[in-house]
Amino acid sequence: MKPLRILLLFASSARNRTLSYQAGWPRHFARHPLFRCSGLNLEATGVFDNLRKRLILRLRDFEAVVILHSVFSNSCLLSGKLLETVKALRVPKIFFIGNEYKLMPEKMEFCEKLGLALLISQSNSPEVHRLYRERLGCQVAEIPNTGLDTGLFCPGPPLESRPVDLGYRSARSPLYLGHDERTRIVEFFQEYGPSQGLVVDLSLDPARRFSEKEWAVFLGRCKGQLGTEAGGDCFELDDRTRHRINSYVNGHPGTAMEEVFELFFRDYRNPVPLRIISGRNVEAAGTKTVQILFEGRYSGYLQPDVHYIPLKKDFSNIAEAMTKFRDRDFCRELTENAFELASREFTYEKLIEKFYHQLKQIL
């Protein structure tokens, strides 16, 4: 297959060092044989970097422009004259959209301004894709936001030699997602784990998150990892519920999730959830780390008692889950299944090849 020439826009700096997918995608695009990439790091602002940007954009020898998640996740890093220059390029523009639960009006305006040809969502929900197509009039496809870097996230030591029983790193979910599952699972196991003689290393403190390499080492030290589905319980292109909840919470400090649910979600009409597999799931599978996860769909990829130990969200089956976790043969089979799935479906090489075929359809 002939390599495609693309302009690859991304953002990489110290502020997103703990988000492995934001580092992984540009690195693997640059080395993939199906693409010849001219990469621009929008966070690089030195004199040499700015000269390189101008030179690359003058060449305009591209068949497509690919804009990765990091360009517009928590804020838009492509704007002003550079945005106008990219917009003027007469080739298809593709946007890997991230954080599909906030700043959605701004992200839709960004897509419309670019005249997007293809939107890559993290969701494989037909309803989510329909809403995007109706709004943007472009093609929509799904690719999970995190691939497996097999050079970093490779099988760790045998489970019995790993010193930590259960590990986890994340951050508390904003209340407008409609749930506080990360907080609930961590707080439960911080008390329950030690009471059962388990060594736990669990944190929702952003300051205790790891860089990509540190995260791979940490997983290799853990027999098991906790987890939940990523994303929120309502998907909206106008952020109306998010704005209402933020306004309420700002006026009522200390608001609990239970109150937010009663006020904003109990009678929520026509909900379209956006719950997806997390990069933590993919990377734990790559290190053959057992996963104890809240029950969920996980984008249809992970199956309970095949790839992970299911835990009910009210913890009513905790005794059964712990019995499975202590069963070495069961855990060995579980981790082998998850590793095989991740190796087959989720390596960056496979995901980028999947994208190549999607891109070819619009060229």
Protein backbone atom coordinates (compact mmCIF):
# COMPACT_ATOMS: atom_id res chain seq x y z
CA MET A 1 0.00 0.00 0.00
CA LYS A 2 1.26 3.42 -0.97
CA PRO A 3 2.10 5.73 1.97
CA LEU A 4 -0.11 8.79 2.28
CA ARG A 5 1.43 12.21 2.81
CA ILE A 6 -0.20 13.96 5.74
CA LEU A 7 0.22 17.08 7.81
CA LEU A 8 -0.05 15.83 11.40
CA LEU A 9 -1.00 18.42 14.02
CA PHE A 10 -0.58 17.58 17.71
CA ALA A 11 0.38 19.16 21.03
CA SER A 12 3.04 17.79 23.33
CA SER A 13 4.45 19.43 26.46
CA ALA A 14 4.95 18.87 30.16
CA ARG A 15 1.30 19.60 30.86
CA ASN A 16 0.02 16.47 29.07
CA ARG A 17 2.88 14.14 30.03
CA THR A 18 0.53 11.90 32.08
CA LEU A 19 -1.81 11.30 29.11
CA SER A 20 -0.11 8.42 27.35
CA TYR A 21 -2.37 8.53 24.29
CA GLN A 22 -1.46 12.15 23.57
CA ALA A 23 2.19 11.14 23.37
CA GLY A 24 1.56 7.80 21.70
CA TRP A 25 -0.41 8.85 18.65
CA PRO A 26 2.11 11.29 17.10
CA ARG A 27 5.01 8.95 17.87
CA HIS A 28 3.38 6.00 16.14
CA PHE A 29 2.03 8.00 13.20
CA ALA A 30 5.59 9.22 12.56
CA ARG A 31 6.97 5.68 12.31
CA HIS A 32 4.05 3.94 10.57
CA PRO A 33 4.90 2.73 7.04
CA LEU A 34 1.46 3.69 5.67
CA PHE A 35 2.08 7.41 6.28
CA ARG A 36 4.68 10.01 5.49
CA CYS A 37 4.11 12.57 8.20
CA SER A 38 5.05 16.21 8.41
CA GLY A 39 4.43 16.68 12.11
CA LEU A 40 3.82 20.01 13.82
CA ASN A 41 3.84 20.20 17.60
CA LEU A 42 1.64 23.21 18.36
CA GLU A 43 3.11 23.48 21.86
CA ALA A 44 6.63 23.97 20.47
CA THR A 45 7.13 27.72 20.16
CA GLY A 46 10.88 28.24 19.84
CA VAL A 47 12.41 30.20 16.96
CA PHE A 48 13.44 27.01 15.15
CA ASP A 49 9.99 25.48 15.70
CA ASN A 50 8.24 28.51 14.23
CA LEU A 51 10.54 28.52 11.20
CA ARG A 52 9.84 24.81 10.69
CA LYS A 53 6.07 25.40 10.85
CA ARG A 54 6.28 28.11 8.17
CA LEU A 55 8.47 25.96 5.92
CA ILE A 56 6.24 22.91 6.15
CA LEU A 57 3.08 24.90 5.51
CA ARG A 58 4.64 26.56 2.47
CA LEU A 59 5.45 23.19 0.92
CA ARG A 60 1.80 22.09 1.10
CA ASP A 61 2.74 18.65 -0.16
CA PHE A 62 -0.06 16.89 1.70
CA GLU A 63 -2.91 14.59 0.79
CA ALA A 64 -4.72 15.22 4.08
CA VAL A 65 -4.48 17.11 7.37
CA VAL A 66 -4.82 14.99 10.52
CA ILE A 67 -5.56 16.84 13.76
CA LEU A 68 -5.02 14.75 16.88
CA HIS A 69 -6.93 14.84 20.19
CA SER A 70 -4.32 16.98 21.95
CA VAL A 71 -4.93 19.95 19.62
CA PHE A 72 -8.38 20.56 21.11
CA SER A 73 -9.09 18.58 24.22
CA ASN A 74 -9.33 20.94 27.19
CA SER A 75 -8.54 24.01 25.10
CA CYS A 76 -8.05 24.87 21.44
CA LEU A 77 -4.41 25.19 20.41
CA LEU A 78 -5.09 25.76 16.71
CA SER A 79 -6.35 29.29 16.14
CA GLY A 80 -5.65 32.61 14.49
CA LYS A 81 -3.44 32.78 11.41
CA LEU A 82 -2.35 29.15 11.70
CA LEU A 83 -5.96 27.97 11.75
CA GLU A 84 -6.70 30.06 8.66
CA THR A 85 -3.67 28.61 6.89
CA VAL A 86 -4.74 25.03 7.66
CA LYS A 87 -8.31 25.82 6.66
CA ALA A 88 -7.10 27.10 3.27
CA LEU A 89 -5.29 23.85 2.44
CA ARG A 90 -7.32 22.14 -0.28
CA VAL A 91 -7.13 18.65 1.15
CA PRO A 92 -9.44 16.70 3.49
CA LYS A 93 -9.22 17.55 7.17
CA ILE A 94 -9.66 14.87 9.82
CA PHE A 95 -10.11 15.51 13.52
CA PHE A 96 -9.61 12.94 16.29
CA ILE A 97 -11.99 14.46 18.83
CA GLY A 98 -11.18 14.07 22.53
CA ASN A 99 -13.08 14.66 25.76
CA GLU A 100 -16.46 14.31 24.06
CA TYR A 101 -18.24 15.58 27.16
CA LYS A 102 -17.19 19.23 27.36
CA LEU A 103 -16.61 22.27 25.15
CA MET A 104 -18.72 20.55 22.53
CA PRO A 105 -20.23 23.72 21.00
CA GLU A 106 -16.72 25.10 20.59
CA LYS A 107 -15.47 21.83 19.11
CA MET A 108 -18.37 21.70 16.65
CA GLU A 109 -17.63 25.28 15.58
CA PHE A 110 -13.95 24.31 15.17
CA CYS A 111 -14.95 21.39 12.92
CA GLU A 112 -17.28 23.54 10.86
CA LYS A 113 -14.66 26.23 10.41
CA LEU A 114 -12.16 23.68 9.09
CA GLY A 115 -14.73 22.11 6.76
CA LEU A 116 -14.09 18.68 8.23
CA ALA A 117 -14.23 15.63 5.96
CA LEU A 118 -13.96 12.94 8.65
CA LEU A 119 -14.48 12.98 12.41
CA ILE A 120 -12.88 10.21 14.47
CA SER A 121 -14.89 9.63 17.65
CA GLN A 122 -13.91 7.50 20.62
CA SER A 123 -17.46 6.16 20.68
CA ASN A 124 -18.89 3.43 18.47
CA SER A 125 -22.47 4.33 19.38
CA PRO A 126 -24.64 4.64 16.24
CA GLU A 127 -26.66 7.36 17.97
CA VAL A 128 -23.56 9.42 18.78
CA HIS A 129 -22.38 9.08 15.18
CA ARG A 130 -25.81 10.10 13.88
CA LEU A 131 -25.79 13.29 15.96
CA TYR A 132 -22.32 14.18 14.67
CA ARG A 133 -23.27 13.54 11.03
CA GLU A 134 -26.43 15.60 11.29
CA ARG A 135 -24.54 18.52 12.81
CA LEU A 136 -21.37 18.46 10.71
CA GLY A 137 -22.40 16.79 7.45
CA CYS A 138 -19.16 14.80 7.37
CA GLN A 139 -18.25 11.14 7.71
CA VAL A 140 -17.83 9.73 11.22
CA ALA A 141 -15.87 6.69 12.39
CA GLU A 142 -14.74 5.18 15.69
CA ILE A 143 -11.20 4.55 16.86
CA PRO A 144 -10.43 4.11 20.59
CA ASN A 145 -8.38 7.00 21.88
CA THR A 146 -5.54 4.88 23.30
CA GLY A 147 -3.50 2.32 21.45
CA LEU A 148 -1.16 -0.26 22.91
CA ASP A 149 2.52 0.58 22.66
CA THR A 150 3.98 -2.91 22.91
CA GLY A 151 7.45 -1.52 23.49
CA LEU A 152 6.31 0.11 26.73
CA PHE A 153 3.27 -1.84 27.90
CA CYS A 154 4.53 -5.40 27.66
CA PRO A 155 3.80 -8.38 29.92
CA GLY A 156 5.10 -7.79 33.42
CA PRO A 157 6.49 -10.30 35.92
CA PRO A 158 4.37 -13.28 37.05
CA LEU A 159 1.43 -12.06 39.12
CA GLU A 160 2.62 -13.76 42.29
CA SER A 161 5.87 -11.77 42.25
CA ARG A 162 4.23 -8.36 41.93
CA PRO A 163 4.33 -6.47 45.25
CA VAL A 164 1.07 -4.45 44.91
CA ASP A 165 -2.26 -6.29 44.91
CA LEU A 166 -4.46 -3.49 43.56
CA GLY A 167 -3.34 -0.27 41.91
CA TYR A 168 -5.09 2.70 40.35
CA ARG A 169 -4.36 6.24 39.21
CA SER A 170 -6.89 8.69 37.88
CA ALA A 171 -8.70 11.90 38.81
CA ARG A 172 -12.13 12.57 40.24
CA SER A 173 -14.84 12.82 37.61
CA PRO A 174 -16.68 16.14 37.27
CA LEU A 175 -20.25 15.87 38.52
CA TYR A 176 -21.70 16.77 35.12
CA LEU A 177 -20.69 13.33 33.83
CA GLY A 178 -23.62 11.95 35.81
CA HIS A 179 -21.63 9.58 38.01
CA ASP A 180 -18.75 9.48 40.48
CA GLU A 181 -17.68 5.90 39.86
CA ARG A 182 -13.94 6.54 40.07
CA THR A 183 -14.31 8.09 43.51
CA ARG A 184 -16.62 5.33 44.73
CA ILE A 185 -14.44 2.41 43.62
CA VAL A 186 -11.24 3.96 44.99
CA GLU A 187 -12.73 4.96 48.34
CA PHE A 188 -14.29 1.52 48.77
CA PHE A 189 -11.04 -0.36 48.14
CA GLN A 190 -8.94 2.04 50.20
CA GLU A 191 -10.86 0.71 53.21
CA TYR A 192 -11.81 -2.78 52.04
CA GLY A 193 -8.45 -3.79 50.58
CA PRO A 194 -6.32 -3.47 53.74
CA SER A 195 -9.10 -5.11 55.77
CA GLN A 196 -8.64 -8.17 53.55
CA GLY A 197 -4.86 -8.14 53.83
CA LEU A 198 -4.38 -6.61 50.36
CA VAL A 199 -1.61 -4.17 49.49
CA VAL A 200 -3.25 -1.26 47.66
CA ASP A 201 -1.79 1.79 45.92
CA LEU A 202 -4.76 3.89 44.84
CA SER A 203 -4.99 7.62 44.18
CA LEU A 204 -7.22 10.20 42.54
CA ASP A 205 -4.70 12.98 43.16
CA PRO A 206 -3.62 14.45 39.80
CA ALA A 207 -0.18 15.14 41.27
CA ARG A 208 0.33 11.40 41.76
CA ARG A 209 -0.37 10.41 38.17
CA PHE A 210 2.47 8.96 36.12
CA SER A 211 4.19 9.71 32.87
CA GLU A 212 3.80 7.13 30.12
CA LYS A 213 6.92 5.15 31.09
CA GLU A 214 6.22 5.44 34.82
CA TRP A 215 2.68 4.16 34.29
CA ALA A 216 3.97 1.08 32.44
CA VAL A 217 6.37 0.33 35.33
CA PHE A 218 3.58 0.83 37.88
CA LEU A 219 1.25 -1.61 36.09
CA GLY A 220 4.04 -4.17 36.06
CA ARG A 221 4.20 -3.92 39.86
CA CYS A 222 0.46 -4.52 40.33
CA LYS A 223 -1.33 -7.85 40.33
CA GLY A 224 -4.60 -6.06 39.65
CA GLN A 225 -5.99 -2.73 38.54
CA LEU A 226 -9.36 -1.20 39.38
CA GLY A 227 -11.39 0.55 36.72
CA THR A 228 -14.60 1.95 35.34
CA GLU A 229 -15.86 2.86 31.89
CA ALA A 230 -14.63 6.23 30.68
CA GLY A 231 -17.01 9.01 29.70
CA GLY A 232 -20.36 10.27 30.89
CA ASP A 233 -24.01 9.30 31.05
CA CYS A 234 -25.27 11.96 28.66
CA PHE A 235 -23.85 13.05 25.33
CA GLU A 236 -24.82 16.53 24.16
CA LEU A 237 -23.51 18.75 21.40
CA ASP A 238 -24.64 21.91 23.18
CA ASP A 239 -23.27 21.25 26.71
CA ARG A 240 -26.59 22.39 28.18
CA THR A 241 -26.61 19.94 31.10
CA ARG A 242 -22.94 20.53 31.83
CA HIS A 243 -23.50 24.29 32.03
CA ARG A 244 -26.58 23.89 34.25
CA ILE A 245 -24.77 21.60 36.67
CA ASN A 246 -21.66 23.76 36.82
CA SER A 247 -23.81 26.81 37.52
CA TYR A 248 -25.64 24.98 40.30
CA VAL A 249 -22.48 23.55 41.87
CA ASN A 250 -20.76 26.96 41.79
CA GLY A 251 -23.68 28.38 43.74
CA HIS A 252 -23.88 25.42 46.13
CA PRO A 253 -20.37 24.45 47.26
CA GLY A 254 -20.07 20.90 48.54
CA THR A 255 -22.86 19.53 46.34
CA ALA A 256 -22.82 15.72 46.36
CA MET A 257 -23.32 13.45 43.37
CA GLU A 258 -26.59 12.15 44.82
CA GLU A 259 -28.08 15.66 44.75
CA VAL A 260 -26.86 16.29 41.20
CA PHE A 261 -28.40 13.01 40.07
CA GLU A 262 -31.78 13.83 41.64
CA LEU A 263 -31.87 17.34 40.19
CA PHE A 264 -30.47 16.76 36.71
CA PHE A 265 -30.40 13.10 35.73
CA ARG A 266 -33.27 11.19 37.34
CA ASP A 267 -35.81 12.57 34.85
CA TYR A 268 -33.34 13.31 32.04
CA ARG A 269 -35.13 12.78 28.73
CA ASN A 270 -33.70 10.99 25.69
CA PRO A 271 -30.29 10.26 27.20
CA VAL A 272 -27.51 9.27 24.84
CA PRO A 273 -24.66 7.91 26.96
CA LEU A 274 -21.05 8.17 25.96
CA ARG A 275 -19.40 5.41 27.99
CA ILE A 276 -16.33 3.90 26.38
CA ILE A 277 -13.33 1.69 26.93
CA SER A 278 -10.46 3.48 28.64
CA GLY A 279 -6.81 3.57 27.72
CA ARG A 280 -6.17 2.21 31.22
CA ASN A 281 -7.98 -0.97 30.17
CA VAL A 282 -5.86 -1.36 27.05
CA GLU A 283 -2.57 -0.75 28.84
CA ALA A 284 -3.41 -3.05 31.75
CA ALA A 285 -4.24 -5.76 29.22
CA GLY A 286 -0.85 -5.20 27.57
CA THR A 287 0.99 -5.75 30.87
CA LYS A 288 -1.13 -8.82 31.75
CA THR A 289 -2.50 -7.08 34.83
CA VAL A 290 -5.79 -8.42 36.22
CA GLN A 291 -8.63 -5.92 35.91
CA ILE A 292 -11.44 -5.60 38.46
CA LEU A 293 -13.93 -3.34 36.75
CA PHE A 294 -17.39 -2.00 37.39
CA GLU A 295 -19.82 -3.80 35.11
CA GLY A 296 -20.22 -2.03 31.79
CA ARG A 297 -20.14 -2.35 28.04
CA TYR A 298 -16.56 -1.11 27.46
CA SER A 299 -17.38 -0.28 23.83
CA GLY A 300 -18.26 -3.94 23.26
CA TYR A 301 -14.63 -5.06 23.49
CA LEU A 302 -14.23 -6.33 27.07
CA GLN A 303 -16.39 -9.21 28.27
CA PRO A 304 -16.97 -10.04 31.96
CA ASP A 305 -15.16 -13.13 33.26
CA VAL A 306 -13.35 -13.34 29.93
CA HIS A 307 -11.23 -10.18 30.00
CA TYR A 308 -11.97 -8.75 33.46
CA ILE A 309 -13.50 -9.53 36.84
CA PRO A 310 -16.91 -7.80 36.96
CA LEU A 311 -17.87 -5.82 40.05
CA LYS A 312 -21.40 -4.61 40.62
CA LYS A 313 -21.65 -0.90 41.26
CA ASP A 314 -23.23 -1.48 44.68
CA PHE A 315 -20.36 -3.89 45.56
CA SER A 316 -22.87 -6.63 46.34
CA ASN A 317 -20.71 -9.29 44.66
CA ILE A 318 -17.44 -8.23 46.27
CA ALA A 319 -16.88 -11.62 47.93
CA GLU A 320 -17.28 -13.41 44.59
CA ALA A 321 -14.97 -10.92 42.86
CA MET A 322 -12.27 -11.42 45.51
CA THR A 323 -12.55 -15.21 45.22
CA LYS A 324 -11.87 -14.88 41.49
CA PHE A 325 -9.00 -12.46 42.11
CA ARG A 326 -7.32 -14.99 44.41
CA ASP A 327 -7.74 -17.82 41.90
CA ARG A 328 -4.37 -17.93 40.08
CA ASP A 329 -5.54 -20.14 37.21
CA PHE A 330 -8.61 -17.98 36.59
CA CYS A 331 -6.53 -14.78 36.64
CA ARG A 332 -3.91 -16.28 34.34
CA GLU A 333 -6.60 -17.15 31.78
CA LEU A 334 -8.22 -13.73 32.19
CA THR A 335 -4.98 -11.85 31.54
CA GLU A 336 -4.08 -14.05 28.58
CA ASN A 337 -7.48 -13.33 27.01
CA ALA A 338 -7.14 -9.59 27.58
CA PHE A 339 -3.58 -9.57 26.25
CA GLU A 340 -4.63 -11.44 23.11
CA LEU A 341 -7.49 -8.98 22.53
CA ALA A 342 -5.27 -5.93 23.03
CA SER A 343 -2.56 -7.36 20.76
CA ARG A 344 -5.11 -8.13 18.05
CA GLU A 345 -7.26 -5.01 18.18
CA PHE A 346 -5.51 -2.18 19.98
CA THR A 347 -1.87 -1.78 19.00
CA TYR A 348 -1.16 1.62 17.52
CA GLU A 349 -0.06 -0.17 14.35
CA LYS A 350 -3.50 -1.79 14.00
CA LEU A 351 -5.43 1.38 14.85
CA ILE A 352 -3.44 3.50 12.42
CA GLU A 353 -3.88 0.89 9.70
CA LYS A 354 -7.63 1.01 10.38
CA PHE A 355 -7.50 4.79 10.03
CA TYR A 356 -5.56 4.48 6.76
CA HIS A 357 -8.41 2.51 5.18
CA GLN A 358 -10.99 5.00 6.46
CA LEU A 359 -8.98 7.89 5.06
CA LYS A 360 -8.57 6.20 1.68
CA GLN A 361 -12.35 6.18 1.31
CA ILE A 362 -12.52 9.97 1.27
CA LEU A 363 -9.47 10.71 -0.86
